[in-house]
C-alpha cells in the first residue's frame, strides 16, 4: 500500500467521523484550557444584531443593559468557522458560488430562489430563537456543555435527537437517499 503524504487527508471531500470527532474534542479542550472560553457561536449573532437594535431603539433598556453590542470571542469564533469552512472547501476542490442548488432544496421547494432563501432565513431565525430558549446553541450547549458534563447539555442533546429524528423522517420519507 502506497503511503500518502502527511496532510493529504485535508484535501478529502469527506473525513472520517471518528477523526473529525477526535479533532473537535481537541479543539474544545484547547479552547477551554488555553483560552478559558467555551465553543459557543449563537451569542455572536445577538451581539452583532445589537448594533442595529441599539440604533433603532436608542432608549431601550434591553440594548443598554442586557444585550450590548460588541465584537466578542463568539464573533471571532464565527469568523474563524467561516474562514475554516472556506479553506476546507478550497482544499477539497468543492468551493463554488451557489444559490442553495442542492437537489433536496429544489425537489422540495421548486426552482424559486427567493422562496428557498426565505425558507432558509426563517429556519435560521427559528434556530437562533431556539438557541436562546435552550440557553445555548449546539456548539455551546451540546459540545462544550457536554464536555463539561453539564446536565442541561445532555437534556438538550436528548431533545435535539428526539426532535431531529422525526423531522428527518418526515423530510426524507419515501426518498432513497
C-alpha atoms as a PDB file:
ATOM      1  CA  UNK A   1       0.000   0.000   0.000  1.00  0.00           C
ATOM      2  CA  UNK A   2       1.440   3.373  -1.029  1.00  0.00           C
ATOM      3  CA  UNK A   3       1.981   5.939   1.680  1.00  0.00           C
ATOM      4  CA  UNK A   4       0.128   9.193   1.319  1.00  0.00           C
ATOM      5  CA  UNK A   5       1.822  12.477   2.141  1.00  0.00           C
ATOM      6  CA  UNK A   6       1.137  13.886   5.583  1.00  0.00           C
ATOM      7  CA  UNK A   7      -1.828  16.233   5.420  1.00  0.00           C
ATOM      8  CA  UNK A   8      -3.361  14.647   2.309  1.00  0.00           C
ATOM      9  CA  UNK A   9      -6.468  13.958   4.385  1.00  0.00           C
ATOM     10  CA  UNK A  10      -7.081  17.729   4.415  1.00  0.00           C
ATOM     11  CA  UNK A  11      -7.927  17.501   0.718  1.00  0.00           C
ATOM     12  CA  UNK A  12     -10.523  14.757   1.152  1.00  0.00           C
ATOM     13  CA  UNK A  13     -14.144  15.654   0.379  1.00  0.00           C
ATOM     14  CA  UNK A  14     -15.350  13.787   3.450  1.00  0.00           C
ATOM     15  CA  UNK A  15     -13.480  12.959   6.613  1.00  0.00           C
ATOM     16  CA  UNK A  16     -13.846  10.039   8.939  1.00  0.00           C
ATOM     17  CA  UNK A  17     -16.453  10.979  11.567  1.00  0.00           C
ATOM     18  CA  UNK A  18     -14.165   9.432  14.187  1.00  0.00           C
ATOM     19  CA  UNK A  19     -11.196  11.572  13.167  1.00  0.00           C
ATOM     20  CA  UNK A  20     -13.373  14.692  12.905  1.00  0.00           C
ATOM     21  CA  UNK A  21     -14.877  13.971  16.339  1.00  0.00           C
ATOM     22  CA  UNK A  22     -11.434  13.485  17.870  1.00  0.00           C
ATOM     23  CA  UNK A  23     -10.212  16.739  16.306  1.00  0.00           C
ATOM     24  CA  UNK A  24     -13.300  18.563  17.575  1.00  0.00           C
ATOM     25  CA  UNK A  25     -12.595  17.199  21.049  1.00  0.00           C
ATOM     26  CA  UNK A  26      -9.059  18.574  20.853  1.00  0.00           C
ATOM     27  CA  UNK A  27     -10.374  21.973  19.741  1.00  0.00           C
ATOM     28  CA  UNK A  28     -12.876  22.042  22.632  1.00  0.00           C
ATOM     29  CA  UNK A  29     -10.146  21.097  25.120  1.00  0.00           C
ATOM     30  CA  UNK A  30      -7.771  23.724  23.709  1.00  0.00           C
ATOM     31  CA  UNK A  31     -10.492  26.377  23.832  1.00  0.00           C
ATOM     32  CA  UNK A  32     -11.346  25.611  27.454  1.00  0.00           C
ATOM     33  CA  UNK A  33      -7.829  25.042  28.815  1.00  0.00           C
ATOM     34  CA  UNK A  34      -5.718  27.577  26.938  1.00  0.00           C
ATOM     35  CA  UNK A  35      -8.277  30.240  26.010  1.00  0.00           C
ATOM     36  CA  UNK A  36     -10.552  29.878  29.021  1.00  0.00           C
ATOM     37  CA  UNK A  37     -13.623  30.060  26.792  1.00  0.00           C
ATOM     38  CA  UNK A  38     -16.183  27.510  25.640  1.00  0.00           C
ATOM     39  CA  UNK A  39     -17.007  26.993  21.980  1.00  0.00           C
ATOM     40  CA  UNK A  40     -20.316  28.787  21.537  1.00  0.00           C
ATOM     41  CA  UNK A  41     -21.494  30.652  18.462  1.00  0.00           C
ATOM     42  CA  UNK A  42     -25.112  31.776  18.906  1.00  0.00           C
ATOM     43  CA  UNK A  43     -24.197  34.770  21.081  1.00  0.00           C
ATOM     44  CA  UNK A  44     -22.264  36.240  18.148  1.00  0.00           C
ATOM     45  CA  UNK A  45     -25.455  36.931  16.248  1.00  0.00           C
ATOM     46  CA  UNK A  46     -27.055  38.547  19.298  1.00  0.00           C
ATOM     47  CA  UNK A  47     -24.037  40.806  19.823  1.00  0.00           C
ATOM     48  CA  UNK A  48     -23.968  41.824  16.146  1.00  0.00           C
ATOM     49  CA  UNK A  49     -27.752  42.314  15.981  1.00  0.00           C
ATOM     50  CA  UNK A  50     -27.480  44.627  18.999  1.00  0.00           C
ATOM     51  CA  UNK A  51     -25.718  47.225  16.823  1.00  0.00           C
ATOM     52  CA  UNK A  52     -28.774  47.965  14.656  1.00  0.00           C
ATOM     53  CA  UNK A  53     -31.044  47.255  17.652  1.00  0.00           C
ATOM     54  CA  UNK A  54     -29.392  49.967  19.739  1.00  0.00           C
ATOM     55  CA  UNK A  55     -29.517  52.348  16.782  1.00  0.00           C
ATOM     56  CA  UNK A  56     -33.204  51.645  16.064  1.00  0.00           C
ATOM     57  CA  UNK A  57     -34.238  51.713  19.729  1.00  0.00           C
ATOM     58  CA  UNK A  58     -31.836  54.102  21.492  1.00  0.00           C
ATOM     59  CA  UNK A  59     -33.852  54.264  24.734  1.00  0.00           C
ATOM     60  CA  UNK A  60     -34.261  50.503  25.032  1.00  0.00           C
ATOM     61  CA  UNK A  61     -33.130  49.142  28.381  1.00  0.00           C
ATOM     62  CA  UNK A  62     -32.575  45.782  26.705  1.00  0.00           C
ATOM     63  CA  UNK A  63     -29.903  47.091  24.355  1.00  0.00           C
ATOM     64  CA  UNK A  64     -28.406  49.298  27.030  1.00  0.00           C
ATOM     65  CA  UNK A  65     -28.004  46.738  29.835  1.00  0.00           C
ATOM     66  CA  UNK A  66     -28.867  43.209  28.701  1.00  0.00           C
ATOM     67  CA  UNK A  67     -27.668  42.833  25.130  1.00  0.00           C
ATOM     68  CA  UNK A  68     -24.992  45.374  24.420  1.00  0.00           C
ATOM     69  CA  UNK A  69     -23.281  45.243  21.046  1.00  0.00           C
ATOM     70  CA  UNK A  70     -19.728  44.035  20.780  1.00  0.00           C
ATOM     71  CA  UNK A  71     -17.097  42.155  18.834  1.00  0.00           C
ATOM     72  CA  UNK A  72     -16.686  39.271  21.267  1.00  0.00           C
ATOM     73  CA  UNK A  73     -14.949  35.907  21.419  1.00  0.00           C
ATOM     74  CA  UNK A  74     -18.052  34.381  19.823  1.00  0.00           C
ATOM     75  CA  UNK A  75     -17.984  36.807  16.887  1.00  0.00           C
ATOM     76  CA  UNK A  76     -14.350  35.878  16.212  1.00  0.00           C
ATOM     77  CA  UNK A  77     -15.272  32.197  16.548  1.00  0.00           C
ATOM     78  CA  UNK A  78     -17.900  32.596  13.804  1.00  0.00           C
ATOM     79  CA  UNK A  79     -15.368  34.447  11.615  1.00  0.00           C
ATOM     80  CA  UNK A  80     -12.977  31.516  12.161  1.00  0.00           C
ATOM     81  CA  UNK A  81     -15.710  28.998  11.355  1.00  0.00           C
ATOM     82  CA  UNK A  82     -16.469  30.760   8.078  1.00  0.00           C
ATOM     83  CA  UNK A  83     -12.773  31.044   7.176  1.00  0.00           C
ATOM     84  CA  UNK A  84     -12.168  27.398   8.078  1.00  0.00           C
ATOM     85  CA  UNK A  85     -15.181  26.257   6.061  1.00  0.00           C
ATOM     86  CA  UNK A  86     -13.967  28.214   3.071  1.00  0.00           C
ATOM     87  CA  UNK A  87     -10.415  26.862   3.425  1.00  0.00           C
ATOM     88  CA  UNK A  88     -11.725  23.307   3.716  1.00  0.00           C
ATOM     89  CA  UNK A  89     -13.906  23.662   0.633  1.00  0.00           C
ATOM     90  CA  UNK A  90     -10.978  25.120  -1.327  1.00  0.00           C
ATOM     91  CA  UNK A  91      -8.605  22.345  -0.259  1.00  0.00           C
ATOM     92  CA  UNK A  92     -11.104  19.642  -1.258  1.00  0.00           C
ATOM     93  CA  UNK A  93     -11.933  21.343  -4.561  1.00  0.00           C
ATOM     94  CA  UNK A  94     -15.577  21.820  -3.600  1.00  0.00           C
ATOM     95  CA  UNK A  95     -15.632  25.648  -3.298  1.00  0.00           C
ATOM     96  CA  UNK A  96     -18.128  27.331  -5.614  1.00  0.00           C
ATOM     97  CA  UNK A  97     -20.811  30.000  -5.565  1.00  0.00           C
ATOM     98  CA  UNK A  98     -24.336  28.656  -5.473  1.00  0.00           C
ATOM     99  CA  UNK A  99     -27.907  29.594  -4.592  1.00  0.00           C
ATOM    100  CA  UNK A 100     -28.999  26.657  -2.477  1.00  0.00           C
ATOM    101  CA  UNK A 101     -28.925  24.413  -5.530  1.00  0.00           C
ATOM    102  CA  UNK A 102     -28.843  21.171  -3.611  1.00  0.00           C
ATOM    103  CA  UNK A 103     -31.286  18.752  -5.134  1.00  0.00           C
ATOM    104  CA  UNK A 104     -33.130  18.311  -1.853  1.00  0.00           C
ATOM    105  CA  UNK A 105     -33.971  22.034  -1.796  1.00  0.00           C
ATOM    106  CA  UNK A 106     -35.158  22.150  -5.406  1.00  0.00           C
ATOM    107  CA  UNK A 107     -37.127  18.914  -5.074  1.00  0.00           C
ATOM    108  CA  UNK A 108     -38.942  20.227  -2.024  1.00  0.00           C
ATOM    109  CA  UNK A 109     -39.458  23.921  -2.850  1.00  0.00           C
ATOM    110  CA  UNK A 110     -39.109  24.220  -6.606  1.00  0.00           C
ATOM    111  CA  UNK A 111     -36.941  26.495  -8.735  1.00  0.00           C
ATOM    112  CA  UNK A 112     -37.705  29.793  -6.939  1.00  0.00           C
ATOM    113  CA  UNK A 113     -34.523  31.129  -5.339  1.00  0.00           C
ATOM    114  CA  UNK A 114     -36.472  33.727  -3.366  1.00  0.00           C
ATOM    115  CA  UNK A 115     -38.634  31.026  -1.783  1.00  0.00           C
ATOM    116  CA  UNK A 116     -35.637  28.852  -0.927  1.00  0.00           C
ATOM    117  CA  UNK A 117     -33.719  31.799   0.558  1.00  0.00           C
ATOM    118  CA  UNK A 118     -36.804  32.865   2.521  1.00  0.00           C
ATOM    119  CA  UNK A 119     -37.236  29.387   3.961  1.00  0.00           C
ATOM    120  CA  UNK A 120     -33.543  29.197   4.835  1.00  0.00           C
ATOM    121  CA  UNK A 121     -33.790  32.600   6.563  1.00  0.00           C
ATOM    122  CA  UNK A 122     -36.868  31.610   8.578  1.00  0.00           C
ATOM    123  CA  UNK A 123     -35.151  28.357   9.547  1.00  0.00           C
ATOM    124  CA  UNK A 124     -32.061  30.261  10.706  1.00  0.00           C
ATOM    125  CA  UNK A 125     -34.207  32.633  12.779  1.00  0.00           C
ATOM    126  CA  UNK A 126     -36.008  29.687  14.391  1.00  0.00           C
ATOM    127  CA  UNK A 127     -32.668  28.036  15.209  1.00  0.00           C
ATOM    128  CA  UNK A 128     -31.438  31.274  16.805  1.00  0.00           C
ATOM    129  CA  UNK A 129     -34.629  31.694  18.847  1.00  0.00           C
ATOM    130  CA  UNK A 130     -34.413  28.047  19.902  1.00  0.00           C
ATOM    131  CA  UNK A 131     -30.790  28.522  20.947  1.00  0.00           C
ATOM    132  CA  UNK A 132     -31.842  31.464  23.091  1.00  0.00           C
ATOM    133  CA  UNK A 133     -34.635  29.481  24.740  1.00  0.00           C
ATOM    134  CA  UNK A 134     -32.397  26.459  25.302  1.00  0.00           C
ATOM    135  CA  UNK A 135     -29.613  28.548  26.809  1.00  0.00           C
ATOM    136  CA  UNK A 136     -27.109  27.910  24.036  1.00  0.00           C
ATOM    137  CA  UNK A 137     -26.554  26.625  20.548  1.00  0.00           C
ATOM    138  CA  UNK A 138     -25.440  23.169  19.516  1.00  0.00           C
ATOM    139  CA  UNK A 139     -21.781  24.098  19.862  1.00  0.00           C
ATOM    140  CA  UNK A 140     -22.100  25.915  23.165  1.00  0.00           C
ATOM    141  CA  UNK A 141     -24.662  23.758  24.897  1.00  0.00           C
ATOM    142  CA  UNK A 142     -24.138  20.298  23.439  1.00  0.00           C
ATOM    143  CA  UNK A 143     -20.433  20.209  22.625  1.00  0.00           C
ATOM    144  CA  UNK A 144     -18.861  22.453  25.255  1.00  0.00           C
ATOM    145  CA  UNK A 145     -21.568  21.735  27.829  1.00  0.00           C
ATOM    146  CA  UNK A 146     -21.283  18.006  27.203  1.00  0.00           C
ATOM    147  CA  UNK A 147     -17.506  18.171  27.591  1.00  0.00           C
ATOM    148  CA  UNK A 148     -18.067  19.913  30.942  1.00  0.00           C
ATOM    149  CA  UNK A 149     -20.627  17.186  31.871  1.00  0.00           C
ATOM    150  CA  UNK A 150     -23.403  19.754  32.256  1.00  0.00           C
ATOM    151  CA  UNK A 151     -26.760  18.022  32.902  1.00  0.00           C
ATOM    152  CA  UNK A 152     -28.504  20.638  30.744  1.00  0.00           C
ATOM    153  CA  UNK A 153     -26.312  19.663  27.809  1.00  0.00           C
ATOM    154  CA  UNK A 154     -27.496  16.066  27.957  1.00  0.00           C
ATOM    155  CA  UNK A 155     -31.148  17.103  28.258  1.00  0.00           C
ATOM    156  CA  UNK A 156     -30.631  19.379  25.243  1.00  0.00           C
ATOM    157  CA  UNK A 157     -28.952  16.618  23.210  1.00  0.00           C
ATOM    158  CA  UNK A 158     -31.787  14.200  24.024  1.00  0.00           C
ATOM    159  CA  UNK A 159     -34.307  16.815  22.899  1.00  0.00           C
ATOM    160  CA  UNK A 160     -32.290  17.544  19.777  1.00  0.00           C
ATOM    161  CA  UNK A 161     -32.373  13.883  18.750  1.00  0.00           C
ATOM    162  CA  UNK A 162     -35.996  13.457  19.845  1.00  0.00           C
ATOM    163  CA  UNK A 163     -36.976  16.316  17.535  1.00  0.00           C
ATOM    164  CA  UNK A 164     -34.409  15.782  14.786  1.00  0.00           C
ATOM    165  CA  UNK A 165     -35.074  12.127  14.072  1.00  0.00           C
ATOM    166  CA  UNK A 166     -38.833  12.560  13.450  1.00  0.00           C
ATOM    167  CA  UNK A 167     -38.179  15.746  11.459  1.00  0.00           C
ATOM    168  CA  UNK A 168     -35.651  13.938   9.242  1.00  0.00           C
ATOM    169  CA  UNK A 169     -38.055  11.030   8.852  1.00  0.00           C
ATOM    170  CA  UNK A 170     -40.825  13.395   7.705  1.00  0.00           C
ATOM    171  CA  UNK A 171     -38.486  15.319   5.409  1.00  0.00           C
ATOM    172  CA  UNK A 172     -36.875  12.332   3.718  1.00  0.00           C
ATOM    173  CA  UNK A 173     -39.688   9.763   3.771  1.00  0.00           C
ATOM    174  CA  UNK A 174     -40.114   7.979   0.514  1.00  0.00           C
ATOM    175  CA  UNK A 175     -36.664   9.032  -0.746  1.00  0.00           C
ATOM    176  CA  UNK A 176     -33.813   6.670  -1.446  1.00  0.00           C
ATOM    177  CA  UNK A 177     -31.110   8.933  -0.037  1.00  0.00           C
END
